[in-house]
Amino acid sequence: MNVRALAATLLLITAGSAAQAGTIETTVGLTPSAGTVAQNSLFTVVLQLDATSAPGAHPGLFSGEVVVNFDITKLTYNSFTLAGGLSYYLSPQVATNGNTQTVHFGFDNAPDVGTVGTFSFTAIGNPGSVAAIGLADGDPVPGSFINTVPTDQRFYPTITGTQVTIVPAPAGLWLLGTAVGALVIRRRLRHAAA
């Protein structure tokens, strides 16, 4: 190979790498309201979609099917609320297998970028434990994510779950609860004596 051919090949490889580095990746992910949550407290986790680099027209309308999974010894699932303007093509289905619970649903009419919906959980695990919340494509073969504009075009986003660390409830809450309890007992004793 001569020097010119080698230089041309290296230039093409470099240009290709630069083009790949500049592309925006299509993602679906979970974002918790906080990285640490107090034991026995409610918290939310947002399901977000960024489909700006998905095939098809933009702005598009996107649909997908997801499965969220978590350990029921650490988290209690309360609800899922779909973002305004979106609809279900598969209503949320909850299933439990051992200590793992899953929430499986399909959504339609999502915009290129934004919130698909919000999960509500209660942290019930022991303080210091980490609660993982997994996320997967609800129909990995052939893949459930589609841009319906102008025609149904499948794409395979990078899918990421999340985790939260459970911490003890603030000492002030325990102290407040104890003080209120003492006042109630004192009031009852006073009424009983009178």
C-alpha atoms as a PDB file:
ATOM      1  CA  MET A   1       0.000   0.000   0.000  1.00  0.00           C
ATOM      2  CA  ASN A   2       1.453   3.354  -0.972  1.00  0.00           C
ATOM      3  CA  VAL A   3       1.621   6.376   1.312  1.00  0.00           C
ATOM      4  CA  ARG A   4      -1.270   8.189  -0.396  1.00  0.00           C
ATOM      5  CA  ALA A   5      -3.616   5.214  -0.071  1.00  0.00           C
ATOM      6  CA  LEU A   6      -2.621   4.779   3.585  1.00  0.00           C
ATOM      7  CA  ALA A   7      -3.201   8.502   4.291  1.00  0.00           C
ATOM      8  CA  ALA A   8      -6.599   8.392   2.558  1.00  0.00           C
ATOM      9  CA  THR A   9      -7.621   5.307   4.558  1.00  0.00           C
ATOM     10  CA  LEU A  10      -6.597   6.921   7.861  1.00  0.00           C
ATOM     11  CA  LEU A  11      -8.472  10.092   6.919  1.00  0.00           C
ATOM     12  CA  LEU A  12     -11.666   8.102   6.222  1.00  0.00           C
ATOM     13  CA  ILE A  13     -11.346   6.186   9.508  1.00  0.00           C
ATOM     14  CA  THR A  14     -10.816   9.428  11.450  1.00  0.00           C
ATOM     15  CA  ALA A  15     -13.766  11.142   9.744  1.00  0.00           C
ATOM     16  CA  GLY A  16     -15.988   8.134  10.452  1.00  0.00           C
ATOM     17  CA  SER A  17     -15.005   8.115  14.131  1.00  0.00           C
ATOM     18  CA  ALA A  18     -15.671  11.839  14.436  1.00  0.00           C
ATOM     19  CA  ALA A  19     -19.073  11.429  12.790  1.00  0.00           C
ATOM     20  CA  GLN A  20     -19.982   8.593  15.175  1.00  0.00           C
ATOM     21  CA  ALA A  21     -18.825  10.587  18.213  1.00  0.00           C
ATOM     22  CA  GLY A  22     -21.099  13.478  17.182  1.00  0.00           C
ATOM     23  CA  THR A  23     -24.268  11.398  16.841  1.00  0.00           C
ATOM     24  CA  ILE A  24     -26.977  11.605  19.454  1.00  0.00           C
ATOM     25  CA  GLU A  25     -27.867   8.252  20.916  1.00  0.00           C
ATOM     26  CA  THR A  26     -31.481   7.182  21.293  1.00  0.00           C
ATOM     27  CA  THR A  27     -32.175   6.395  24.963  1.00  0.00           C
ATOM     28  CA  VAL A  28     -34.902   5.252  27.317  1.00  0.00           C
ATOM     29  CA  GLY A  29     -34.088   5.551  31.006  1.00  0.00           C
ATOM     30  CA  LEU A  30     -35.239   5.906  34.580  1.00  0.00           C
ATOM     31  CA  THR A  31     -34.418   8.919  36.764  1.00  0.00           C
ATOM     32  CA  PRO A  32     -35.283   8.872  40.498  1.00  0.00           C
ATOM     33  CA  SER A  33     -36.447  11.995  42.338  1.00  0.00           C
ATOM     34  CA  ALA A  34     -33.463  11.501  44.702  1.00  0.00           C
ATOM     35  CA  GLY A  35     -30.471   9.185  44.932  1.00  0.00           C
ATOM     36  CA  THR A  36     -31.104   8.553  48.622  1.00  0.00           C
ATOM     37  CA  VAL A  37     -34.550   8.023  50.111  1.00  0.00           C
ATOM     38  CA  ALA A  38     -35.630   7.637  53.714  1.00  0.00           C
ATOM     39  CA  GLN A  39     -36.963   4.287  54.827  1.00  0.00           C
ATOM     40  CA  ASN A  40     -40.794   4.137  54.643  1.00  0.00           C
ATOM     41  CA  SER A  41     -40.962   7.254  52.469  1.00  0.00           C
ATOM     42  CA  LEU A  42     -42.538   7.773  49.052  1.00  0.00           C
ATOM     43  CA  PHE A  43     -40.403   8.726  46.050  1.00  0.00           C
ATOM     44  CA  THR A  44     -40.878   8.926  42.291  1.00  0.00           C
ATOM     45  CA  VAL A  45     -38.992   7.610  39.291  1.00  0.00           C
ATOM     46  CA  VAL A  46     -39.469   9.233  35.878  1.00  0.00           C
ATOM     47  CA  LEU A  47     -39.377   7.198  32.648  1.00  0.00           C
ATOM     48  CA  GLN A  48     -37.776   9.383  29.943  1.00  0.00           C
ATOM     49  CA  LEU A  49     -37.364   8.968  26.197  1.00  0.00           C
ATOM     50  CA  ASP A  50     -34.862  10.701  23.906  1.00  0.00           C
ATOM     51  CA  ALA A  51     -35.554   9.540  20.348  1.00  0.00           C
ATOM     52  CA  THR A  52     -34.004  12.479  18.480  1.00  0.00           C
ATOM     53  CA  SER A  53     -31.743  10.158  16.497  1.00  0.00           C
ATOM     54  CA  ALA A  54     -34.368   7.471  15.822  1.00  0.00           C
ATOM     55  CA  PRO A  55     -35.244   6.742  12.187  1.00  0.00           C
ATOM     56  CA  GLY A  56     -38.242   8.454  10.587  1.00  0.00           C
ATOM     57  CA  ALA A  57     -39.499  12.022  10.571  1.00  0.00           C
ATOM     58  CA  HIS A  58     -38.943  14.495  13.389  1.00  0.00           C
ATOM     59  CA  PRO A  59     -40.929  15.536  15.229  1.00  0.00           C
ATOM     60  CA  GLY A  60     -42.211  11.988  15.387  1.00  0.00           C
ATOM     61  CA  LEU A  61     -44.671   9.984  17.418  1.00  0.00           C
ATOM     62  CA  PHE A  62     -43.105   7.118  19.308  1.00  0.00           C
ATOM     63  CA  SER A  63     -44.397   3.971  20.911  1.00  0.00           C
ATOM     64  CA  GLY A  64     -42.690   1.356  22.999  1.00  0.00           C
ATOM     65  CA  GLU A  65     -43.189  -1.412  25.498  1.00  0.00           C
ATOM     66  CA  VAL A  66     -41.177  -1.619  28.715  1.00  0.00           C
ATOM     67  CA  VAL A  67     -40.754  -3.861  31.737  1.00  0.00           C
ATOM     68  CA  VAL A  68     -39.634  -2.366  35.055  1.00  0.00           C
ATOM     69  CA  ASN A  69     -38.391  -4.785  37.730  1.00  0.00           C
ATOM     70  CA  PHE A  70     -37.407  -4.395  41.386  1.00  0.00           C
ATOM     71  CA  ASP A  71     -37.003  -6.301  44.663  1.00  0.00           C
ATOM     72  CA  ILE A  72     -40.203  -6.263  46.749  1.00  0.00           C
ATOM     73  CA  THR A  73     -38.186  -6.613  49.967  1.00  0.00           C
ATOM     74  CA  LYS A  74     -36.771  -3.133  49.265  1.00  0.00           C
ATOM     75  CA  LEU A  75     -39.512  -1.300  47.357  1.00  0.00           C
ATOM     76  CA  THR A  76     -43.289  -1.239  47.212  1.00  0.00           C
ATOM     77  CA  TYR A  77     -44.817  -0.228  43.868  1.00  0.00           C
ATOM     78  CA  ASN A  78     -47.653   2.284  44.298  1.00  0.00           C
ATOM     79  CA  SER A  79     -48.603   3.492  40.815  1.00  0.00           C
ATOM     80  CA  PHE A  80     -47.590   4.594  37.331  1.00  0.00           C
ATOM     81  CA  THR A  81     -48.990   7.785  35.771  1.00  0.00           C
ATOM     82  CA  LEU A  82     -48.652   8.251  32.025  1.00  0.00           C
ATOM     83  CA  ALA A  83     -47.626  11.747  30.860  1.00  0.00           C
ATOM     84  CA  GLY A  84     -50.305  13.972  29.305  1.00  0.00           C
ATOM     85  CA  GLY A  85     -51.041  13.341  25.637  1.00  0.00           C
ATOM     86  CA  LEU A  86     -49.752   9.762  25.715  1.00  0.00           C
ATOM     87  CA  SER A  87     -51.919   6.664  25.727  1.00  0.00           C
ATOM     88  CA  TYR A  88     -51.535   2.973  26.544  1.00  0.00           C
ATOM     89  CA  TYR A  89     -51.603   0.253  23.941  1.00  0.00           C
ATOM     90  CA  LEU A  90     -50.913  -2.203  26.765  1.00  0.00           C
ATOM     91  CA  SER A  91     -52.208  -1.241  30.223  1.00  0.00           C
ATOM     92  CA  PRO A  92     -49.807  -1.752  33.163  1.00  0.00           C
ATOM     93  CA  GLN A  93     -49.633  -5.377  34.263  1.00  0.00           C
ATOM     94  CA  VAL A  94     -48.021  -6.227  37.598  1.00  0.00           C
ATOM     95  CA  ALA A  95     -46.539  -9.682  38.222  1.00  0.00           C
ATOM     96  CA  THR A  96     -44.525 -11.145  41.095  1.00  0.00           C
ATOM     97  CA  ASN A  97     -42.038 -14.027  40.939  1.00  0.00           C
ATOM     98  CA  GLY A  98     -40.275 -14.691  44.239  1.00  0.00           C
ATOM     99  CA  ASN A  99     -38.854 -11.379  45.478  1.00  0.00           C
ATOM    100  CA  THR A 100     -39.008  -9.760  42.024  1.00  0.00           C
ATOM    101  CA  GLN A 101     -41.977  -7.722  40.897  1.00  0.00           C
ATOM    102  CA  THR A 102     -42.427  -6.423  37.353  1.00  0.00           C
ATOM    103  CA  VAL A 103     -44.587  -3.694  35.847  1.00  0.00           C
ATOM    104  CA  HIS A 104     -45.101  -4.232  32.093  1.00  0.00           C
ATOM    105  CA  PHE A 105     -46.891  -1.750  29.795  1.00  0.00           C
ATOM    106  CA  GLY A 106     -46.882  -0.248  26.302  1.00  0.00           C
ATOM    107  CA  PHE A 107     -47.232   3.444  25.419  1.00  0.00           C
ATOM    108  CA  ASP A 108     -48.148   5.433  22.284  1.00  0.00           C
ATOM    109  CA  ASN A 109     -47.837   9.039  21.065  1.00  0.00           C
ATOM    110  CA  ALA A 110     -44.628  10.036  22.879  1.00  0.00           C
ATOM    111  CA  PRO A 111     -42.746  13.058  21.487  1.00  0.00           C
ATOM    112  CA  ASP A 112     -39.092  12.973  20.390  1.00  0.00           C
ATOM    113  CA  VAL A 113     -37.839  13.957  23.859  1.00  0.00           C
ATOM    114  CA  GLY A 114     -39.650  13.969  27.168  1.00  0.00           C
ATOM    115  CA  THR A 115     -41.272  12.160  30.032  1.00  0.00           C
ATOM    116  CA  VAL A 116     -43.253   9.023  29.249  1.00  0.00           C
ATOM    117  CA  GLY A 117     -44.598   8.748  32.796  1.00  0.00           C
ATOM    118  CA  THR A 118     -43.860   8.637  36.501  1.00  0.00           C
ATOM    119  CA  PHE A 119     -43.651   5.684  38.888  1.00  0.00           C
ATOM    120  CA  SER A 120     -44.384   6.027  42.602  1.00  0.00           C
ATOM    121  CA  PHE A 121     -42.595   3.725  45.066  1.00  0.00           C
ATOM    122  CA  THR A 122     -42.201   3.411  48.833  1.00  0.00           C
ATOM    123  CA  ALA A 123     -38.734   2.542  50.158  1.00  0.00           C
ATOM    124  CA  ILE A 124     -39.181  -0.345  52.619  1.00  0.00           C
ATOM    125  CA  GLY A 125     -35.701  -1.892  52.625  1.00  0.00           C
ATOM    126  CA  ASN A 126     -33.234  -1.777  55.491  1.00  0.00           C
ATOM    127  CA  PRO A 127     -31.249   1.446  55.884  1.00  0.00           C
ATOM    128  CA  GLY A 128     -27.989   1.204  53.946  1.00  0.00           C
ATOM    129  CA  SER A 129     -29.437  -1.114  51.308  1.00  0.00           C
ATOM    130  CA  VAL A 130     -29.414  -0.243  47.616  1.00  0.00           C
ATOM    131  CA  ALA A 131     -32.635  -0.799  45.656  1.00  0.00           C
ATOM    132  CA  ALA A 132     -32.061  -1.408  41.944  1.00  0.00           C
ATOM    133  CA  ILE A 133     -34.861  -0.607  39.500  1.00  0.00           C
ATOM    134  CA  GLY A 134     -34.288  -2.385  36.200  1.00  0.00           C
ATOM    135  CA  LEU A 135     -35.696  -1.446  32.808  1.00  0.00           C
ATOM    136  CA  ALA A 136     -35.953  -3.592  29.670  1.00  0.00           C
ATOM    137  CA  ASP A 137     -37.657  -3.661  26.272  1.00  0.00           C
ATOM    138  CA  GLY A 138     -41.027  -5.329  26.794  1.00  0.00           C
ATOM    139  CA  ASP A 139     -40.719  -7.218  23.498  1.00  0.00           C
ATOM    140  CA  PRO A 140     -37.018  -7.554  22.670  1.00  0.00           C
ATOM    141  CA  VAL A 141     -37.665  -9.672  19.563  1.00  0.00           C
ATOM    142  CA  PRO A 142     -38.333  -7.914  17.188  1.00  0.00           C
ATOM    143  CA  GLY A 143     -38.047  -4.844  19.461  1.00  0.00           C
ATOM    144  CA  SER A 144     -40.992  -2.740  20.527  1.00  0.00           C
ATOM    145  CA  PHE A 145     -39.800   0.845  19.938  1.00  0.00           C
ATOM    146  CA  ILE A 146     -41.295   2.424  16.812  1.00  0.00           C
ATOM    147  CA  ASN A 147     -41.481   5.863  15.215  1.00  0.00           C
ATOM    148  CA  THR A 148     -44.909   5.931  13.580  1.00  0.00           C
ATOM    149  CA  VAL A 149     -44.107   9.022  11.459  1.00  0.00           C
ATOM    150  CA  PRO A 150     -44.239   8.681   8.475  1.00  0.00           C
ATOM    151  CA  THR A 151     -44.377   4.869   8.673  1.00  0.00           C
ATOM    152  CA  ASP A 152     -43.636   2.412  11.473  1.00  0.00           C
ATOM    153  CA  GLN A 153     -39.845   2.302  11.749  1.00  0.00           C
ATOM    154  CA  ARG A 154     -38.270   0.187  14.503  1.00  0.00           C
ATOM    155  CA  PHE A 155     -35.283   1.321  16.525  1.00  0.00           C
ATOM    156  CA  TYR A 156     -33.317  -0.102  19.443  1.00  0.00           C
ATOM    157  CA  PRO A 157     -32.588   2.511  22.113  1.00  0.00           C
ATOM    158  CA  THR A 158     -30.031   2.210  24.865  1.00  0.00           C
ATOM    159  CA  ILE A 159     -32.078   1.299  27.936  1.00  0.00           C
ATOM    160  CA  THR A 160     -30.914   2.205  31.456  1.00  0.00           C
ATOM    161  CA  GLY A 161     -32.379   1.456  34.867  1.00  0.00           C
ATOM    162  CA  THR A 162     -31.484   3.217  38.097  1.00  0.00           C
ATOM    163  CA  GLN A 163     -30.991   2.684  41.812  1.00  0.00           C
ATOM    164  CA  VAL A 164     -31.616   4.428  45.117  1.00  0.00           C
ATOM    165  CA  THR A 165     -29.951   4.063  48.500  1.00  0.00           C
ATOM    166  CA  ILE A 166     -32.282   3.675  51.448  1.00  0.00           C
ATOM    167  CA  VAL A 167     -31.329   5.665  54.537  1.00  0.00           C
ATOM    168  CA  PRO A 168     -32.843   5.806  58.055  1.00  0.00           C
ATOM    169  CA  ALA A 169     -35.799   8.108  58.585  1.00  0.00           C
ATOM    170  CA  PRO A 170     -34.625  11.460  59.987  1.00  0.00           C
ATOM    171  CA  ALA A 171     -34.225  11.415  63.774  1.00  0.00           C
ATOM    172  CA  GLY A 172     -36.438  14.485  64.032  1.00  0.00           C
ATOM    173  CA  LEU A 173     -39.425  12.481  62.781  1.00  0.00           C
ATOM    174  CA  TRP A 174     -38.914   9.841  65.481  1.00  0.00           C
ATOM    175  CA  LEU A 175     -38.541  12.548  68.100  1.00  0.00           C
ATOM    176  CA  LEU A 176     -41.680  14.314  66.890  1.00  0.00           C
ATOM    177  CA  GLY A 177     -43.628  11.037  66.926  1.00  0.00           C
ATOM    178  CA  THR A 178     -42.473  10.294  70.458  1.00  0.00           C
ATOM    179  CA  ALA A 179     -43.426  13.798  71.666  1.00  0.00           C
ATOM    180  CA  VAL A 180     -46.891  13.602  70.098  1.00  0.00           C
ATOM    181  CA  GLY A 181     -47.411  10.148  71.617  1.00  0.00           C
ATOM    182  CA  ALA A 182     -46.408  11.447  75.064  1.00  0.00           C
ATOM    183  CA  LEU A 183     -48.873  14.339  74.764  1.00  0.00           C
ATOM    184  CA  VAL A 184     -51.706  11.988  73.801  1.00  0.00           C
ATOM    185  CA  ILE A 185     -50.957   9.709  76.774  1.00  0.00           C
ATOM    186  CA  ARG A 186     -50.760  12.701  79.146  1.00  0.00           C
ATOM    187  CA  ARG A 187     -54.093  14.049  77.897  1.00  0.00           C
ATOM    188  CA  ARG A 188     -55.779  10.661  78.356  1.00  0.00           C
ATOM    189  CA  LEU A 189     -54.383  10.345  81.885  1.00  0.00           C
ATOM    190  CA  ARG A 190     -55.685  13.831  82.755  1.00  0.00           C
ATOM    191  CA  HIS A 191     -59.154  13.021  81.442  1.00  0.00           C
ATOM    192  CA  ALA A 192     -59.166   9.701  83.301  1.00  0.00           C
ATOM    193  CA  ALA A 193     -58.195  11.437  86.556  1.00  0.00           C
ATOM    194  CA  ALA A 194     -60.910  14.098  86.168  1.00  0.00           C
END
